[in-house]
PDB file of N, CA and C in Angstrom:
ATOM      1  N   MET A   1       0.832  -1.188   0.000  1.00  0.00           N
ATOM      2  CA  MET A   1       0.000   0.000   0.000  1.00  0.00           C
ATOM      3  C   MET A   1       0.874   1.248   0.000  1.00  0.00           C
ATOM      4  N   ASP A   2       0.476   2.206  -0.781  1.00  0.00           N
ATOM      5  CA  ASP A   2       1.233   3.444  -0.754  1.00  0.00           C
ATOM      6  C   ASP A   2       0.713   4.346   0.363  1.00  0.00           C
ATOM      7  N   LYS A   3       1.441   5.397   0.644  1.00  0.00           N
ATOM      8  CA  LYS A   3       1.123   6.285   1.763  1.00  0.00           C
ATOM      9  C   LYS A   3      -0.211   6.994   1.577  1.00  0.00           C
ATOM     10  N   GLN A   4      -0.540   7.372   0.346  1.00  0.00           N
ATOM     11  CA  GLN A   4      -1.790   8.089   0.087  1.00  0.00           C
ATOM     12  C   GLN A   4      -2.994   7.211   0.405  1.00  0.00           C
ATOM     13  N   LYS A   5      -2.952   5.962  -0.015  1.00  0.00           N
ATOM     14  CA  LYS A   5      -4.053   5.034   0.239  1.00  0.00           C
ATOM     15  C   LYS A   5      -4.196   4.776   1.742  1.00  0.00           C
ATOM     16  N   LEU A   6      -3.081   4.618   2.424  1.00  0.00           N
ATOM     17  CA  LEU A   6      -3.089   4.397   3.868  1.00  0.00           C
ATOM     18  C   LEU A   6      -3.651   5.611   4.591  1.00  0.00           C
ATOM     19  N   TYR A   7      -3.314   6.802   4.130  1.00  0.00           N
ATOM     20  CA  TYR A   7      -3.823   8.041   4.725  1.00  0.00           C
ATOM     21  C   TYR A   7      -5.328   8.154   4.517  1.00  0.00           C
ATOM     22  N   GLU A   8      -5.832   7.773   3.351  1.00  0.00           N
ATOM     23  CA  GLU A   8      -7.270   7.802   3.086  1.00  0.00           C
ATOM     24  C   GLU A   8      -8.018   6.839   4.005  1.00  0.00           C
ATOM     25  N   VAL A   9      -7.462   5.648   4.215  1.00  0.00           N
ATOM     26  CA  VAL A   9      -8.071   4.679   5.126  1.00  0.00           C
ATOM     27  C   VAL A   9      -8.074   5.244   6.543  1.00  0.00           C
ATOM     28  N   TYR A  10      -6.993   5.908   6.934  1.00  0.00           N
ATOM     29  CA  TYR A  10      -6.929   6.527   8.258  1.00  0.00           C
ATOM     30  C   TYR A  10      -8.005   7.599   8.421  1.00  0.00           C
ATOM     31  N   LEU A  11      -8.177   8.433   7.423  1.00  0.00           N
ATOM     32  CA  LEU A  11      -9.184   9.494   7.504  1.00  0.00           C
ATOM     33  C   LEU A  11     -10.599   8.930   7.581  1.00  0.00           C
ATOM     34  N   GLN A  12     -10.855   7.825   6.883  1.00  0.00           N
ATOM     35  CA  GLN A  12     -12.181   7.225   6.900  1.00  0.00           C
ATOM     36  C   GLN A  12     -12.488   6.541   8.235  1.00  0.00           C
ATOM     37  N   HIS A  13     -11.457   6.026   8.904  1.00  0.00           N
ATOM     38  CA  HIS A  13     -11.651   5.253  10.125  1.00  0.00           C
ATOM     39  C   HIS A  13     -10.853   5.832  11.291  1.00  0.00           C
ATOM     40  N   LYS A  14     -10.759   7.140  11.347  1.00  0.00           N
ATOM     41  CA  LYS A  14      -9.944   7.817  12.366  1.00  0.00           C
ATOM     42  C   LYS A  14     -10.406   7.487  13.788  1.00  0.00           C
ATOM     43  N   GLY A  15     -11.698   7.565  14.046  1.00  0.00           N
ATOM     44  CA  GLY A  15     -12.225   7.295  15.389  1.00  0.00           C
ATOM     45  C   GLY A  15     -11.955   5.870  15.836  1.00  0.00           C
ATOM     46  N   GLU A  16     -12.148   4.912  14.926  1.00  0.00           N
ATOM     47  CA  GLU A  16     -11.919   3.508  15.268  1.00  0.00           C
ATOM     48  C   GLU A  16     -10.451   3.236  15.568  1.00  0.00           C
ATOM     49  N   ILE A  17      -9.576   3.838  14.794  1.00  0.00           N
ATOM     50  CA  ILE A  17      -8.142   3.625  14.986  1.00  0.00           C
ATOM     51  C   ILE A  17      -7.682   4.228  16.306  1.00  0.00           C
ATOM     52  N   ILE A  18      -8.121   5.437  16.605  1.00  0.00           N
ATOM     53  CA  ILE A  18      -7.744   6.078  17.863  1.00  0.00           C
ATOM     54  C   ILE A  18      -8.332   5.305  19.043  1.00  0.00           C
ATOM     55  N   GLY A  19      -9.585   4.878  18.939  1.00  0.00           N
ATOM     56  CA  GLY A  19     -10.219   4.098  19.995  1.00  0.00           C
ATOM     57  C   GLY A  19      -9.503   2.788  20.246  1.00  0.00           C
ATOM     58  N   ALA A  20      -9.099   2.122  19.193  1.00  0.00           N
ATOM     59  CA  ALA A  20      -8.368   0.865  19.344  1.00  0.00           C
ATOM     60  C   ALA A  20      -7.010   1.102  20.001  1.00  0.00           C
ATOM     61  N   GLY A  21      -6.352   2.191  19.649  1.00  0.00           N
ATOM     62  CA  GLY A  21      -5.063   2.517  20.266  1.00  0.00           C
ATOM     63  C   GLY A  21      -5.196   2.819  21.750  1.00  0.00           C
ATOM     64  N   VAL A  22      -6.244   3.565  22.097  1.00  0.00           N
ATOM     65  CA  VAL A  22      -6.485   3.869  23.517  1.00  0.00           C
ATOM     66  C   VAL A  22      -6.818   2.591  24.269  1.00  0.00           C
ATOM     67  N   GLY A  23      -7.660   1.749  23.699  1.00  0.00           N
ATOM     68  CA  GLY A  23      -8.008   0.478  24.338  1.00  0.00           C
ATOM     69  C   GLY A  23      -6.803  -0.414  24.526  1.00  0.00           C
ATOM     70  N   LEU A  24      -5.949  -0.484  23.534  1.00  0.00           N
ATOM     71  CA  LEU A  24      -4.731  -1.287  23.641  1.00  0.00           C
ATOM     72  C   LEU A  24      -3.817  -0.733  24.720  1.00  0.00           C
ATOM     73  N   SER A  25      -3.688   0.583  24.776  1.00  0.00           N
ATOM     74  CA  SER A  25      -2.843   1.201  25.803  1.00  0.00           C
ATOM     75  C   SER A  25      -3.360   0.902  27.205  1.00  0.00           C
ATOM     76  N   ILE A  26      -4.654   1.022  27.409  1.00  0.00           N
ATOM     77  CA  ILE A  26      -5.238   0.743  28.721  1.00  0.00           C
ATOM     78  C   ILE A  26      -5.066  -0.725  29.084  1.00  0.00           C
ATOM     79  N   ALA A  27      -5.255  -1.618  28.112  1.00  0.00           N
ATOM     80  CA  ALA A  27      -5.082  -3.045  28.377  1.00  0.00           C
ATOM     81  C   ALA A  27      -3.648  -3.366  28.787  1.00  0.00           C
ATOM     82  N   ILE A  28      -2.673  -2.765  28.134  1.00  0.00           N
ATOM     83  CA  ILE A  28      -1.265  -3.002  28.482  1.00  0.00           C
ATOM     84  C   ILE A  28      -0.969  -2.468  29.871  1.00  0.00           C
ATOM     85  N   ILE A  29      -1.493  -1.292  30.202  1.00  0.00           N
ATOM     86  CA  ILE A  29      -1.279  -0.713  31.533  1.00  0.00           C
ATOM     87  C   ILE A  29      -1.899  -1.610  32.603  1.00  0.00           C
ATOM     88  N   VAL A  30      -3.115  -2.123  32.350  1.00  0.00           N
ATOM     89  CA  VAL A  30      -3.772  -3.005  33.320  1.00  0.00           C
ATOM     90  C   VAL A  30      -2.957  -4.279  33.512  1.00  0.00           C
ATOM     91  N   LEU A  31      -2.445  -4.842  32.431  1.00  0.00           N
ATOM     92  CA  LEU A  31      -1.652  -6.062  32.544  1.00  0.00           C
ATOM     93  C   LEU A  31      -0.341  -5.834  33.285  1.00  0.00           C
ATOM     94  N   LEU A  32       0.283  -4.688  33.069  1.00  0.00           N
ATOM     95  CA  LEU A  32       1.568  -4.420  33.688  1.00  0.00           C
ATOM     96  C   LEU A  32       1.456  -3.934  35.129  1.00  0.00           C
ATOM     97  N   LEU A  33       0.462  -3.098  35.435  1.00  0.00           N
ATOM     98  CA  LEU A  33       0.385  -2.455  36.740  1.00  0.00           C
ATOM     99  C   LEU A  33      -0.727  -2.973  37.635  1.00  0.00           C
ATOM    100  N   GLY A  34      -1.774  -3.500  37.071  1.00  0.00           N
ATOM    101  CA  GLY A  34      -2.931  -3.911  37.845  1.00  0.00           C
ATOM    102  C   GLY A  34      -4.078  -2.952  37.633  1.00  0.00           C
ATOM    103  N   VAL A  35      -5.250  -3.362  38.098  1.00  0.00           N
ATOM    104  CA  VAL A  35      -6.468  -2.621  37.818  1.00  0.00           C
ATOM    105  C   VAL A  35      -6.505  -1.280  38.549  1.00  0.00           C
ATOM    106  N   LEU A  36      -6.199  -1.249  39.830  1.00  0.00           N
ATOM    107  CA  LEU A  36      -6.318  -0.006  40.596  1.00  0.00           C
ATOM    108  C   LEU A  36      -5.313   1.052  40.140  1.00  0.00           C
ATOM    109  N   LYS A  37      -4.092   0.638  39.878  1.00  0.00           N
ATOM    110  CA  LYS A  37      -3.099   1.606  39.396  1.00  0.00           C
ATOM    111  C   LYS A  37      -3.470   2.115  38.002  1.00  0.00           C
ATOM    112  N   ALA A  38      -3.982   1.230  37.158  1.00  0.00           N
ATOM    113  CA  ALA A  38      -4.406   1.638  35.818  1.00  0.00           C
ATOM    114  C   ALA A  38      -5.587   2.592  35.904  1.00  0.00           C
ATOM    115  N   LEU A  39      -6.514   2.318  36.809  1.00  0.00           N
ATOM    116  CA  LEU A  39      -7.663   3.205  36.995  1.00  0.00           C
ATOM    117  C   LEU A  39      -7.210   4.582  37.471  1.00  0.00           C
ATOM    118  N   PHE A  40      -6.244   4.606  38.375  1.00  0.00           N
ATOM    119  CA  PHE A  40      -5.689   5.878  38.843  1.00  0.00           C
ATOM    120  C   PHE A  40      -5.062   6.660  37.690  1.00  0.00           C
ATOM    121  N   ILE A  41      -4.319   5.987  36.834  1.00  0.00           N
ATOM    122  CA  ILE A  41      -3.691   6.638  35.689  1.00  0.00           C
ATOM    123  C   ILE A  41      -4.752   7.192  34.741  1.00  0.00           C
ATOM    124  N   VAL A  42      -5.788   6.423  34.475  1.00  0.00           N
ATOM    125  CA  VAL A  42      -6.853   6.871  33.580  1.00  0.00           C
ATOM    126  C   VAL A  42      -7.566   8.089  34.166  1.00  0.00           C
ATOM    127  N   ILE A  43      -7.839   8.070  35.470  1.00  0.00           N
ATOM    128  CA  ILE A  43      -8.488   9.213  36.114  1.00  0.00           C
ATOM    129  C   ILE A  43      -7.605  10.452  36.019  1.00  0.00           C
ATOM    130  N   CYS A  44      -6.305  10.296  36.242  1.00  0.00           N
ATOM    131  CA  CYS A  44      -5.389  11.438  36.139  1.00  0.00           C
ATOM    132  C   CYS A  44      -5.334  11.988  34.718  1.00  0.00           C
ATOM    133  N   VAL A  45      -5.330  11.116  33.729  1.00  0.00           N
ATOM    134  CA  VAL A  45      -5.291  11.565  32.336  1.00  0.00           C
ATOM    135  C   VAL A  45      -6.571  12.317  31.982  1.00  0.00           C
ATOM    136  N   VAL A  46      -7.720  11.799  32.399  1.00  0.00           N
ATOM    137  CA  VAL A  46      -8.994  12.463  32.109  1.00  0.00           C
ATOM    138  C   VAL A  46      -9.049  13.821  32.808  1.00  0.00           C
ATOM    139  N   PHE A  47      -8.611  13.878  34.063  1.00  0.00           N
ATOM    140  CA  PHE A  47      -8.585  15.131  34.805  1.00  0.00           C
ATOM    141  C   PHE A  47      -7.642  16.139  34.127  1.00  0.00           C
ATOM    142  N   GLY A  48      -6.477  15.687  33.700  1.00  0.00           N
ATOM    143  CA  GLY A  48      -5.537  16.555  32.993  1.00  0.00           C
ATOM    144  C   GLY A  48      -6.088  17.059  31.676  1.00  0.00           C
ATOM    145  N   TYR A  49      -6.777  16.196  30.959  1.00  0.00           N
ATOM    146  CA  TYR A  49      -7.410  16.606  29.707  1.00  0.00           C
ATOM    147  C   TYR A  49      -8.457  17.680  29.969  1.00  0.00           C
ATOM    148  N   TYR A  50      -9.267  17.473  30.995  1.00  0.00           N
ATOM    149  CA  TYR A  50     -10.327  18.423  31.328  1.00  0.00           C
ATOM    150  C   TYR A  50      -9.737  19.791  31.689  1.00  0.00           C
ATOM    151  N   ILE A  51      -8.732  19.801  32.543  1.00  0.00           N
ATOM    152  CA  ILE A  51      -8.097  21.064  32.948  1.00  0.00           C
ATOM    153  C   ILE A  51      -7.434  21.732  31.737  1.00  0.00           C
ATOM    154  N   GLY A  52      -6.739  20.957  30.924  1.00  0.00           N
ATOM    155  CA  GLY A  52      -6.101  21.510  29.730  1.00  0.00           C
ATOM    156  C   GLY A  52      -7.096  22.114  28.761  1.00  0.00           C
ATOM    157  N   LYS A  53      -8.229  21.440  28.583  1.00  0.00           N
ATOM    158  CA  LYS A  53      -9.259  21.947  27.690  1.00  0.00           C
ATOM    159  C   LYS A  53      -9.845  23.248  28.224  1.00  0.00           C
ATOM    160  N   LYS A  54     -10.108  23.289  29.536  1.00  0.00           N
ATOM    161  CA  LYS A  54     -10.651  24.505  30.144  1.00  0.00           C
ATOM    162  C   LYS A  54      -9.650  25.658  30.045  1.00  0.00           C
ATOM    163  N   LEU A  55      -8.371  25.388  30.273  1.00  0.00           N
ATOM    164  CA  LEU A  55      -7.357  26.436  30.185  1.00  0.00           C
ATOM    165  C   LEU A  55      -7.221  26.962  28.765  1.00  0.00           C
ATOM    166  N   TYR A  56      -7.347  26.094  27.784  1.00  0.00           N
ATOM    167  CA  TYR A  56      -7.242  26.507  26.396  1.00  0.00           C
ATOM    168  C   TYR A  56      -8.428  27.385  26.005  1.00  0.00           C
ATOM    169  N   GLN A  57      -9.624  27.052  26.509  1.00  0.00           N
ATOM    170  CA  GLN A  57     -10.817  27.822  26.178  1.00  0.00           C
ATOM    171  C   GLN A  57     -10.874  29.136  26.934  1.00  0.00           C
ATOM    172  N   ASP A  58     -10.450  29.145  28.205  1.00  0.00           N
ATOM    173  CA  ASP A  58     -10.562  30.330  29.056  1.00  0.00           C
ATOM    174  C   ASP A  58      -9.246  30.507  29.805  1.00  0.00           C
ATOM    175  N   LYS A  59      -8.479  31.500  29.422  1.00  0.00           N
ATOM    176  CA  LYS A  59      -7.157  31.711  30.016  1.00  0.00           C
ATOM    177  C   LYS A  59      -7.228  32.054  31.502  1.00  0.00           C
ATOM    178  N   ASP A  60      -8.342  32.598  31.971  1.00  0.00           N
ATOM    179  CA  ASP A  60      -8.498  32.979  33.378  1.00  0.00           C
ATOM    180  C   ASP A  60      -9.221  31.911  34.190  1.00  0.00           C
ATOM    181  N   TYR A  61      -9.275  30.679  33.691  1.00  0.00           N
ATOM    182  CA  TYR A  61     -10.008  29.612  34.374  1.00  0.00           C
ATOM    183  C   TYR A  61      -9.459  29.350  35.775  1.00  0.00           C
ATOM    184  N   ILE A  62      -8.143  29.265  35.909  1.00  0.00           N
ATOM    185  CA  ILE A  62      -7.537  28.986  37.213  1.00  0.00           C
ATOM    186  C   ILE A  62      -7.807  30.133  38.186  1.00  0.00           C
ATOM    187  N   LYS A  63      -7.693  31.365  37.711  1.00  0.00           N
ATOM    188  CA  LYS A  63      -7.965  32.513  38.585  1.00  0.00           C
ATOM    189  C   LYS A  63      -9.420  32.501  39.048  1.00  0.00           C
ATOM    190  N   ASN A  64     -10.332  32.228  38.136  1.00  0.00           N
ATOM    191  CA  ASN A  64     -11.746  32.174  38.506  1.00  0.00           C
ATOM    192  C   ASN A  64     -12.036  31.022  39.460  1.00  0.00           C
ATOM    193  N   LEU A  65     -11.387  29.891  39.232  1.00  0.00           N
ATOM    194  CA  LEU A  65     -11.555  28.745  40.120  1.00  0.00           C
ATOM    195  C   LEU A  65     -11.043  29.060  41.520  1.00  0.00           C
ATOM    196  N   LEU A  66      -9.872  29.686  41.603  1.00  0.00           N
ATOM    197  CA  LEU A  66      -9.325  30.053  42.907  1.00  0.00           C
ATOM    198  C   LEU A  66     -10.183  31.108  43.597  1.00  0.00           C
ATOM    199  N   ASP A  67     -10.786  32.005  42.835  1.00  0.00           N
ATOM    200  CA  ASP A  67     -11.697  32.993  43.423  1.00  0.00           C
ATOM    201  C   ASP A  67     -12.926  32.321  44.037  1.00  0.00           C
ATOM    202  N   ARG A  68     -13.381  31.227  43.425  1.00  0.00           N
ATOM    203  CA  ARG A  68     -14.527  30.516  43.992  1.00  0.00           C
ATOM    204  C   ARG A  68     -14.147  29.726  45.230  1.00  0.00           C
ATOM    205  N   ILE A  69     -12.918  29.197  45.282  1.00  0.00           N
ATOM    206  CA  ILE A  69     -12.483  28.367  46.408  1.00  0.00           C
ATOM    207  C   ILE A  69     -11.965  29.216  47.562  1.00  0.00           C
ATOM    208  N   LEU A  70     -11.071  30.146  47.260  1.00  0.00           N
ATOM    209  CA  LEU A  70     -10.445  30.980  48.278  1.00  0.00           C
ATOM    210  C   LEU A  70     -11.173  32.325  48.365  1.00  0.00           C
ATOM    211  N   PRO A  71     -10.938  33.061  49.417  1.00  0.00           N
ATOM    212  CA  PRO A  71     -11.496  34.424  49.473  1.00  0.00           C
ATOM    213  C   PRO A  71     -10.928  35.241  48.310  1.00  0.00           C
ATOM    214  N   PRO A  72     -11.745  36.074  47.672  1.00  0.00           N
ATOM    215  CA  PRO A  72     -11.291  36.843  46.496  1.00  0.00           C
ATOM    216  C   PRO A  72     -10.056  37.687  46.802  1.00  0.00           C
ATOM    217  N   GLY A  73      -9.101  37.683  45.892  1.00  0.00           N
ATOM    218  CA  GLY A  73      -7.908  38.495  46.005  1.00  0.00           C
ATOM    219  C   GLY A  73      -6.808  37.899  46.860  1.00  0.00           C
ATOM    220  N   THR A  74      -6.982  36.673  47.358  1.00  0.00           N
ATOM    221  CA  THR A  74      -5.997  36.055  48.256  1.00  0.00           C
ATOM    222  C   THR A  74      -4.686  35.758  47.540  1.00  0.00           C
ATOM    223  N   TYR A  75      -4.752  35.246  46.337  1.00  0.00           N
ATOM    224  CA  TYR A  75      -3.561  34.795  45.630  1.00  0.00           C
ATOM    225  C   TYR A  75      -2.907  35.876  44.795  1.00  0.00           C
ATOM    226  N   ARG A  76      -3.456  37.060  44.719  1.00  0.00           N
ATOM    227  CA  ARG A  76      -2.886  38.115  43.855  1.00  0.00           C
ATOM    228  C   ARG A  76      -1.921  38.968  44.611  1.00  0.00           C
TER     229      ARG A  76
END
């Protein structure tokens, strides 16, 4: 197969390929580390993704979050 044909197949089945890669990665982590450690890693990755997405969308997300948790103006 040439690269162009392989790229077209990738574009048509992008979600399936990424999903299979994530599933394979999680399965390898579970086999190597165990279920609880793998679950901890998955939770940390999801939490990191969520924070990263929020920071990318709203640059003042951390400041607003700290204002809700701490008394306003504490960290400035």
